[in-house]
Amino acid sequence: MEYNKQTIRDFDPKGKKVLLRCDFNVPQDKETGEITSDKRIVESLPTIRYLLQHGAAVIACSHLGKPKGEWKKSLSLAPVAVRLSELLGKTVIFAKDIVGEDAAAKAEALKAGEILLLENLRFDKREEKNGEDFAKALAAMADVYVSDAFGTVHRPHASTAGVSAFLPAYAGLLLEKEISIMGKALEEPARPFIAILGGAKVSDKIGVINNLLGKADTILIGGAMAFTFIKAMGNEIGSSLFEADKLDYAKELMKTAAEKGVTLLLPEDVVIGRTFDADTEMKVVAVNEIPDGWMGMDIGPKSIEAFTGALKGAGTIVWNGPMGVFEFARFSGGTKAVAQAVATSGAVTIIGGGDSAAAVEQSGFADRITHISTGGGASLEFLAGISLPGVACLLNK
């Protein structure tokens, strides 16, 4: 995939109306609707400020949640407009619709240095279907399109890809940072290059594993997905989660890794519980000694020692997915230990969004990581070497 894209520094924003795709898909309190984390809004500020300071009129747009083409007050971007106003220290004009009369009139009247936020893109079902008429209507309000929503670039929607057929398309500063840091890690990694993969399913990570087998020196596999490999090696795994239809793939992958000289590290011991519950009875056993009726919930102390030891002296570390059920405090030890080892490794460290990003933040090591991706699904597809529609559509340098 081509990573070298033109950015907002490659055109003069002065006097132009810029349609800016942001990722304002923020978590909210279910009862009050209050924004519980404004991290994604904060991440968009450098691009917004750059455009405003350089004389652009900014028409920001985003989705929030999954309204599935229906107008839902609970998923309105109105609270985002309020928070963005507070962060910018200036009024954010809010449109009551997306490409309707209110949005069109406010976009038409927008002056240099002003910012307008459109209503939730996904209130219109044409957004997710990449409707050409919807993309054209969005584009009609602006002179230039800028994408700064890395979390959505793997989706070929009207606002992430479709609009580029009607406007010159550039990367914002956040998107530039995401693709340049991760692109360099994959194409020119400082070695040894170590990948840590966790989470529930092997099927979610097949593309990533296949791509990394040709690039990484060592791959560590933890989380529930490890049990598919442990089972494939002929071990009994009790009632641990595994994917029966991926056992042959796991065997093949272990063989391929050996042939390519890639070290594949799997847990040698695990913390097991009787039930999937925060307060369940627990004990540590070797991976070939999991009794019937017990399930793996975290990597064990010997595995932690092996995994963290492997990270010492690494040049590049890419991590996606927790080592266990880290949302249960008693089964978060493996994930926290790996988070600390990654943070103190001295390597170029990249966390691929989602649960592993949350784990690093909860463990208090976020400020010691080179880059924490803002997009879980997008970073997974990026690491898998899949072309991302919302990046492919931008102008090449």
Protein backbone atom coordinates (compact mmCIF):
# COMPACT_ATOMS: atom_id res chain seq x y z
CA MET A 1 0.00 0.00 0.00
CA GLU A 2 1.19 3.53 -0.78
CA TYR A 3 1.82 5.37 2.50
CA ASN A 4 3.35 8.56 1.10
CA LYS A 5 0.30 10.81 0.86
CA GLN A 6 -0.09 14.55 0.39
CA THR A 7 -1.08 16.32 3.60
CA ILE A 8 -2.56 19.66 4.64
CA ARG A 9 0.97 21.09 4.37
CA ASP A 10 0.88 20.41 0.61
CA PHE A 11 -1.82 22.97 -0.26
CA ASP A 12 -2.64 26.53 0.78
CA PRO A 13 -5.80 26.45 2.93
CA LYS A 14 -6.27 30.25 2.79
CA GLY A 15 -9.73 31.18 1.55
CA LYS A 16 -10.77 27.56 1.06
CA LYS A 17 -13.66 25.66 2.57
CA VAL A 18 -12.33 22.35 3.87
CA LEU A 19 -14.50 19.30 4.47
CA LEU A 20 -12.70 17.63 7.37
CA ARG A 21 -13.53 14.03 8.28
CA CYS A 22 -12.81 13.59 11.99
CA ASP A 23 -13.32 10.68 14.35
CA PHE A 24 -15.61 12.05 17.04
CA ASN A 25 -17.00 8.61 17.89
CA VAL A 26 -16.58 9.29 21.61
CA PRO A 27 -17.77 7.16 24.54
CA GLN A 28 -20.79 8.57 26.37
CA ASP A 29 -22.59 7.93 29.64
CA LYS A 30 -25.67 5.86 28.75
CA GLU A 31 -27.85 7.66 31.28
CA THR A 32 -26.84 11.31 30.78
CA GLY A 33 -25.26 11.29 27.31
CA GLU A 34 -22.24 13.06 28.80
CA ILE A 35 -18.93 12.49 26.99
CA THR A 36 -16.83 10.24 29.24
CA SER A 37 -13.57 10.62 27.28
CA ASP A 38 -12.74 13.47 24.89
CA LYS A 39 -9.47 11.85 23.74
CA ARG A 40 -10.61 11.55 20.11
CA ILE A 41 -11.71 15.19 20.03
CA VAL A 42 -8.37 16.28 21.48
CA GLU A 43 -6.51 14.18 18.86
CA SER A 44 -8.24 16.18 16.09
CA LEU A 45 -7.20 19.61 17.44
CA PRO A 46 -3.79 19.99 15.71
CA THR A 47 -5.34 19.59 12.24
CA ILE A 48 -8.31 21.85 13.04
CA ARG A 49 -6.07 24.56 14.49
CA TYR A 50 -3.65 24.38 11.56
CA LEU A 51 -6.47 24.83 9.03
CA LEU A 52 -8.14 27.68 10.94
CA GLN A 53 -4.83 29.49 11.55
CA HIS A 54 -4.01 29.23 7.85
CA GLY A 55 -7.24 30.93 6.79
CA ALA A 56 -9.53 27.99 6.02
CA ALA A 57 -13.23 27.68 6.82
CA VAL A 58 -13.61 24.19 8.31
CA ILE A 59 -16.66 21.98 7.80
CA ALA A 60 -16.07 19.10 10.23
CA CYS A 61 -18.00 15.84 10.01
CA SER A 62 -18.03 12.54 11.87
CA HIS A 63 -20.16 9.57 12.83
CA LEU A 64 -21.14 8.65 16.39
CA GLY A 65 -22.29 5.16 17.33
CA LYS A 66 -24.47 2.99 15.12
CA PRO A 67 -27.77 4.78 14.39
CA LYS A 68 -28.18 2.71 11.17
CA GLY A 69 -29.60 5.53 9.07
CA GLU A 70 -32.09 6.75 11.67
CA TRP A 71 -32.09 10.05 13.57
CA LYS A 72 -31.49 9.33 17.27
CA LYS A 73 -31.21 12.21 19.72
CA SER A 74 -28.92 10.14 21.97
CA LEU A 75 -26.38 9.92 19.11
CA SER A 76 -26.47 13.57 18.06
CA LEU A 77 -23.09 15.30 17.71
CA ALA A 78 -24.44 18.36 19.57
CA PRO A 79 -22.49 17.49 22.79
CA VAL A 80 -19.33 17.11 20.67
CA ALA A 81 -19.86 20.63 19.26
CA VAL A 82 -20.03 21.96 22.83
CA ARG A 83 -16.85 20.15 23.94
CA LEU A 84 -14.98 21.10 20.76
CA SER A 85 -15.94 24.76 21.34
CA GLU A 86 -14.49 24.55 24.86
CA LEU A 87 -11.26 22.96 23.66
CA LEU A 88 -10.77 25.39 20.76
CA GLY A 89 -11.80 28.43 22.78
CA LYS A 90 -14.12 29.53 19.99
CA THR A 91 -17.69 28.90 18.86
CA VAL A 92 -18.31 25.77 16.83
CA ILE A 93 -21.38 26.34 14.66
CA PHE A 94 -23.60 23.25 14.67
CA ALA A 95 -25.80 22.13 11.77
CA LYS A 96 -29.07 20.39 12.56
CA ASP A 97 -28.69 18.15 9.52
CA ILE A 98 -25.92 16.75 7.29
CA VAL A 99 -26.50 17.82 3.70
CA GLY A 100 -29.93 19.43 4.19
CA GLU A 101 -31.01 23.08 4.17
CA ASP A 102 -29.47 24.00 7.54
CA ALA A 103 -26.05 22.50 6.74
CA ALA A 104 -25.99 23.95 3.22
CA ALA A 105 -26.93 27.47 4.42
CA LYS A 106 -24.39 27.44 7.27
CA ALA A 107 -21.64 26.06 5.03
CA GLU A 108 -22.39 28.74 2.41
CA ALA A 109 -22.17 31.51 5.05
CA LEU A 110 -19.01 30.10 6.73
CA LYS A 111 -16.08 32.52 6.79
CA ALA A 112 -12.32 31.98 7.01
CA GLY A 113 -11.30 31.05 10.56
CA GLU A 114 -14.75 29.66 11.41
CA ILE A 115 -15.73 26.04 12.02
CA LEU A 116 -19.00 24.22 11.37
CA LEU A 117 -19.83 20.72 12.62
CA LEU A 118 -22.38 18.70 10.66
CA GLU A 119 -24.82 16.34 12.37
CA ASN A 120 -23.99 12.61 12.71
CA LEU A 121 -23.12 11.27 9.24
CA ARG A 122 -24.68 7.89 9.97
CA PHE A 123 -28.12 9.45 10.47
CA ASP A 124 -28.20 9.13 6.68
CA LYS A 125 -28.16 5.51 5.48
CA ARG A 126 -26.30 6.55 2.31
CA GLU A 127 -23.13 7.21 4.36
CA GLU A 128 -22.31 3.56 5.07
CA LYS A 129 -23.46 2.50 1.60
CA ASN A 130 -21.01 5.00 0.04
CA GLY A 131 -23.92 6.59 -1.83
CA GLU A 132 -22.54 8.68 -4.69
CA ASP A 133 -25.28 11.32 -4.37
CA PHE A 134 -24.55 11.69 -0.64
CA ALA A 135 -20.78 11.96 -1.23
CA LYS A 136 -21.45 14.55 -3.94
CA ALA A 137 -23.69 16.58 -1.62
CA LEU A 138 -21.01 16.58 1.09
CA ALA A 139 -18.36 17.61 -1.44
CA ALA A 140 -20.56 20.40 -2.84
CA MET A 141 -20.14 22.36 0.41
CA ALA A 142 -16.32 22.52 0.16
CA ASP A 143 -13.28 23.12 -2.06
CA VAL A 144 -10.97 20.52 -0.51
CA TYR A 145 -11.36 17.26 1.45
CA VAL A 146 -9.13 16.32 4.39
CA SER A 147 -9.23 12.93 6.12
CA ASP A 148 -8.10 12.83 9.74
CA ALA A 149 -10.18 9.89 10.99
CA PHE A 150 -7.79 6.94 11.00
CA GLY A 151 -10.31 4.87 12.97
CA THR A 152 -12.63 4.77 9.94
CA VAL A 153 -10.25 4.59 6.94
CA HIS A 154 -10.75 0.83 6.59
CA ARG A 155 -14.42 1.46 5.76
CA PRO A 156 -15.33 2.51 2.19
CA HIS A 157 -18.02 5.02 3.21
CA ALA A 158 -19.17 8.22 1.51
CA SER A 159 -17.30 10.50 3.94
CA THR A 160 -14.13 8.39 4.09
CA ALA A 161 -13.65 7.49 0.43
CA GLY A 162 -16.58 8.56 -1.78
CA VAL A 163 -15.99 12.32 -1.49
CA SER A 164 -12.50 11.97 -2.98
CA ALA A 165 -14.12 11.47 -6.41
CA PHE A 166 -15.34 15.08 -6.25
CA LEU A 167 -12.65 16.95 -4.29
CA PRO A 168 -8.84 16.92 -4.04
CA ALA A 169 -8.14 14.73 -0.99
CA TYR A 170 -5.38 15.20 1.59
CA ALA A 171 -4.33 13.64 4.90
CA GLY A 172 -4.68 15.52 8.16
CA LEU A 173 -1.87 15.60 10.73
CA LEU A 174 -3.25 12.71 12.82
CA LEU A 175 -3.73 10.47 9.80
CA GLU A 176 -0.25 11.37 8.54
CA LYS A 177 1.22 10.40 11.92
CA GLU A 178 -0.66 7.07 11.98
CA ILE A 179 0.36 5.91 8.50
CA SER A 180 3.93 7.18 8.65
CA ILE A 181 4.78 5.62 12.04
CA MET A 182 3.09 2.28 11.35
CA GLY A 183 4.23 2.23 7.73
CA LYS A 184 7.86 2.69 8.76
CA ALA A 185 7.54 0.00 11.45
CA LEU A 186 6.37 -2.48 8.84
CA GLU A 187 8.67 -1.47 5.98
CA GLU A 188 11.89 -0.44 7.75
CA PRO A 189 11.71 -1.71 11.35
CA ALA A 190 14.56 -1.28 13.79
CA ARG A 191 15.46 -4.87 14.67
CA PRO A 192 14.80 -7.16 16.39
CA PHE A 193 11.16 -6.61 15.35
CA ILE A 194 8.79 -8.27 17.83
CA ALA A 195 5.02 -8.56 17.41
CA ILE A 196 2.74 -9.31 20.36
CA LEU A 197 -0.70 -10.62 19.45
CA GLY A 198 -3.51 -11.35 21.89
CA GLY A 199 -7.26 -11.13 22.16
CA ALA A 200 -9.95 -13.72 21.67
CA LYS A 201 -9.85 -15.00 18.11
CA VAL A 202 -7.19 -16.30 15.74
CA SER A 203 -9.63 -15.55 12.90
CA ASP A 204 -9.45 -11.81 13.70
CA LYS A 205 -5.66 -11.84 13.37
CA ILE A 206 -5.00 -14.24 10.47
CA GLY A 207 -4.16 -11.43 8.05
CA VAL A 208 -1.88 -9.78 10.59
CA ILE A 209 -0.05 -13.02 11.40
CA ASN A 210 0.41 -13.88 7.71
CA ASN A 211 1.79 -10.41 6.95
CA LEU A 212 4.06 -10.31 10.02
CA LEU A 213 5.52 -13.77 9.32
CA GLY A 214 7.48 -12.18 6.51
CA LYS A 215 8.58 -9.18 8.57
CA ALA A 216 8.88 -9.93 12.32
CA ASP A 217 11.77 -11.74 14.03
CA THR A 218 9.63 -12.95 16.94
CA ILE A 219 5.86 -13.27 17.43
CA LEU A 220 4.41 -13.66 20.93
CA ILE A 221 0.89 -15.08 21.10
CA GLY A 222 -1.23 -14.69 24.24
CA GLY A 223 -4.87 -14.14 25.09
CA ALA A 224 -7.61 -16.64 24.31
CA MET A 225 -6.29 -17.04 20.76
CA ALA A 226 -3.27 -18.88 22.20
CA PHE A 227 -5.50 -21.84 23.15
CA THR A 228 -6.19 -22.64 19.49
CA PHE A 229 -2.42 -23.10 19.08
CA ILE A 230 -2.05 -24.99 22.37
CA LYS A 231 -4.87 -27.35 21.31
CA ALA A 232 -3.27 -27.74 17.85
CA MET A 233 -0.11 -28.99 19.60
CA GLY A 234 -2.15 -31.88 21.01
CA ASN A 235 -2.83 -30.50 24.50
CA GLU A 236 -6.12 -30.71 26.38
CA ILE A 237 -7.35 -27.19 27.19
CA GLY A 238 -10.37 -27.84 29.44
CA SER A 239 -13.19 -25.45 28.61
CA SER A 240 -10.84 -22.70 27.32
CA LEU A 241 -12.04 -20.73 24.33
CA PHE A 242 -10.64 -21.97 21.01
CA GLU A 243 -11.58 -22.09 17.31
CA ALA A 244 -11.96 -25.68 16.08
CA ASP A 245 -11.97 -24.60 12.43
CA LYS A 246 -8.59 -22.87 12.85
CA LEU A 247 -6.62 -25.81 14.30
CA ASP A 248 -5.15 -26.78 10.91
CA TYR A 249 -4.25 -23.15 10.25
CA ALA A 250 -2.48 -22.97 13.62
CA LYS A 251 -0.46 -26.13 12.81
CA GLU A 252 0.46 -24.76 9.39
CA LEU A 253 1.45 -21.41 10.84
CA MET A 254 3.77 -22.98 13.43
CA LYS A 255 5.40 -24.96 10.63
CA THR A 256 5.77 -21.87 8.39
CA ALA A 257 7.26 -19.82 11.26
CA ALA A 258 9.88 -22.53 11.85
CA GLU A 259 10.73 -22.65 8.13
CA LYS A 260 11.12 -18.87 7.96
CA GLY A 261 13.24 -18.72 11.12
CA VAL A 262 10.61 -16.67 12.99
CA THR A 263 10.47 -17.40 16.72
CA LEU A 264 6.88 -18.14 17.74
CA LEU A 265 6.45 -17.85 21.52
CA LEU A 266 3.36 -19.38 23.12
CA PRO A 267 2.45 -19.50 26.84
CA GLU A 268 4.04 -22.33 28.82
CA ASP A 269 1.78 -21.83 31.83
CA VAL A 270 -1.61 -20.18 32.32
CA VAL A 271 -3.88 -18.81 35.04
CA ILE A 272 -7.12 -20.79 34.92
CA GLY A 273 -10.56 -20.26 36.43
CA ARG A 274 -13.57 -22.51 36.95
CA THR A 275 -16.01 -20.04 35.38
CA PHE A 276 -15.80 -16.86 33.30
CA ASP A 277 -16.24 -14.64 36.32
CA ALA A 278 -14.17 -11.99 38.11
CA ASP A 279 -14.38 -13.83 41.43
CA THR A 280 -14.03 -17.43 40.24
CA GLU A 281 -11.66 -19.92 41.86
CA MET A 282 -8.25 -19.66 40.17
CA LYS A 283 -4.91 -21.47 39.95
CA VAL A 284 -1.76 -21.63 37.80
CA VAL A 285 -0.99 -24.72 35.71
CA ALA A 286 1.26 -25.73 32.81
CA VAL A 287 -0.46 -25.48 29.42
CA ASN A 288 -0.53 -29.29 29.10
CA GLU A 289 -2.16 -29.74 32.52
CA ILE A 290 -5.43 -27.79 32.22
CA PRO A 291 -8.10 -29.94 33.92
CA ASP A 292 -11.59 -30.54 32.52
CA GLY A 293 -14.07 -27.82 33.42
CA TRP A 294 -11.42 -25.12 33.85
CA MET A 295 -10.62 -22.35 31.39
CA GLY A 296 -7.55 -20.27 30.62
CA MET A 297 -7.96 -16.64 31.74
CA ASP A 298 -4.42 -15.18 31.59
CA ILE A 299 -0.81 -16.11 30.89
CA GLY A 300 1.04 -17.51 33.92
CA PRO A 301 4.23 -16.34 35.72
CA LYS A 302 6.65 -18.46 33.62
CA SER A 303 5.01 -17.16 30.44
CA ILE A 304 5.26 -13.59 31.73
CA GLU A 305 8.97 -14.13 32.39
CA ALA A 306 9.50 -15.59 28.89
CA PHE A 307 7.45 -12.90 27.12
CA THR A 308 8.97 -9.93 28.97
CA GLY A 309 12.45 -11.44 28.56
CA ALA A 310 11.93 -11.68 24.80
CA LEU A 311 11.13 -7.94 24.68
CA LYS A 312 14.48 -6.91 26.19
CA GLY A 313 16.74 -5.49 23.51
CA ALA A 314 13.94 -5.20 20.93
CA GLY A 315 14.26 -2.52 18.25
CA THR A 316 10.56 -2.37 17.29
CA ILE A 317 7.53 -3.73 19.14
CA VAL A 318 4.01 -3.85 17.72
CA TRP A 319 1.27 -4.96 20.14
CA ASN A 320 -2.37 -5.75 19.41
CA GLY A 321 -4.61 -7.57 21.88
CA PRO A 322 -4.48 -8.29 25.64
CA MET A 323 -2.83 -11.36 27.18
CA GLY A 324 -5.87 -12.38 29.20
CA VAL A 325 -9.22 -11.24 30.55
CA PHE A 326 -7.68 -7.97 31.69
CA GLU A 327 -11.06 -6.39 32.48
CA PHE A 328 -11.13 -8.78 35.49
CA ALA A 329 -8.47 -7.43 37.89
CA ARG A 330 -7.34 -10.89 39.05
CA PHE A 331 -6.64 -11.91 35.45
CA SER A 332 -4.93 -8.71 34.31
CA GLY A 333 -1.41 -9.57 35.52
CA GLY A 334 -0.12 -10.83 32.17
CA THR A 335 -1.36 -7.82 30.22
CA LYS A 336 -0.01 -5.36 32.80
CA ALA A 337 3.39 -7.08 32.91
CA VAL A 338 3.64 -7.00 29.11
CA ALA A 339 2.54 -3.33 29.11
CA GLN A 340 5.34 -2.47 31.54
CA ALA A 341 7.91 -4.47 29.56
CA VAL A 342 6.86 -2.76 26.30
CA ALA A 343 6.99 0.69 27.91
CA THR A 344 10.45 0.17 29.42
CA SER A 345 11.97 -1.69 26.45
CA GLY A 346 13.64 1.33 24.84
CA ALA A 347 12.25 0.14 21.49
CA VAL A 348 10.03 1.94 19.00
CA THR A 349 6.67 0.85 20.43
CA ILE A 350 3.32 0.84 18.65
CA ILE A 351 0.04 -0.17 20.24
CA GLY A 352 -2.65 -1.07 17.72
CA GLY A 353 -5.65 0.58 19.36
CA GLY A 354 -8.60 -1.22 20.96
CA ASP A 355 -8.17 -3.30 24.12
CA SER A 356 -4.36 -3.18 24.15
CA ALA A 357 -4.48 0.65 24.07
CA ALA A 358 -6.93 0.60 26.99
CA ALA A 359 -4.65 -1.82 28.87
CA VAL A 360 -1.61 0.43 28.43
CA GLU A 361 -3.58 3.49 29.55
CA GLN A 362 -5.04 1.70 32.58
CA SER A 363 -1.57 0.44 33.53
CA GLY A 364 -0.25 4.01 33.51
CA PHE A 365 2.37 3.51 30.77
CA ALA A 366 0.71 5.40 27.90
CA ASP A 367 3.16 8.32 28.07
CA ARG A 368 6.10 5.94 27.51
CA ILE A 369 4.77 4.43 24.27
CA THR A 370 6.00 5.78 20.92
CA HIS A 371 2.57 5.61 19.32
CA ILE A 372 -0.89 4.46 20.42
CA SER A 373 -3.11 4.09 17.38
CA THR A 374 -6.52 5.76 17.41
CA GLY A 375 -8.09 3.00 15.30
CA GLY A 376 -8.50 -0.62 16.43
CA GLY A 377 -9.98 -2.16 13.27
CA ALA A 378 -8.05 0.17 10.96
CA SER A 379 -4.71 -0.58 12.63
CA LEU A 380 -5.40 -4.32 12.40
CA GLU A 381 -6.04 -4.08 8.65
CA PHE A 382 -3.00 -1.82 8.25
CA LEU A 383 -0.82 -4.38 10.06
CA ALA A 384 -2.31 -7.09 7.85
CA GLY A 385 -1.09 -5.20 4.77
CA ILE A 386 -4.63 -4.60 3.51
CA SER A 387 -5.19 -1.50 1.39
CA LEU A 388 -7.32 0.98 3.36
CA PRO A 389 -9.96 2.71 1.18
CA GLY A 390 -9.78 5.97 3.15
CA VAL A 391 -5.99 6.15 2.64
CA ALA A 392 -5.81 4.80 -0.91
CA CYS A 393 -8.14 7.59 -2.12
CA LEU A 394 -5.80 10.41 -0.95
CA LEU A 395 -3.42 12.17 -3.33
CA ASN A 396 0.03 10.60 -3.53
CA LYS A 397 3.12 12.76 -3.05
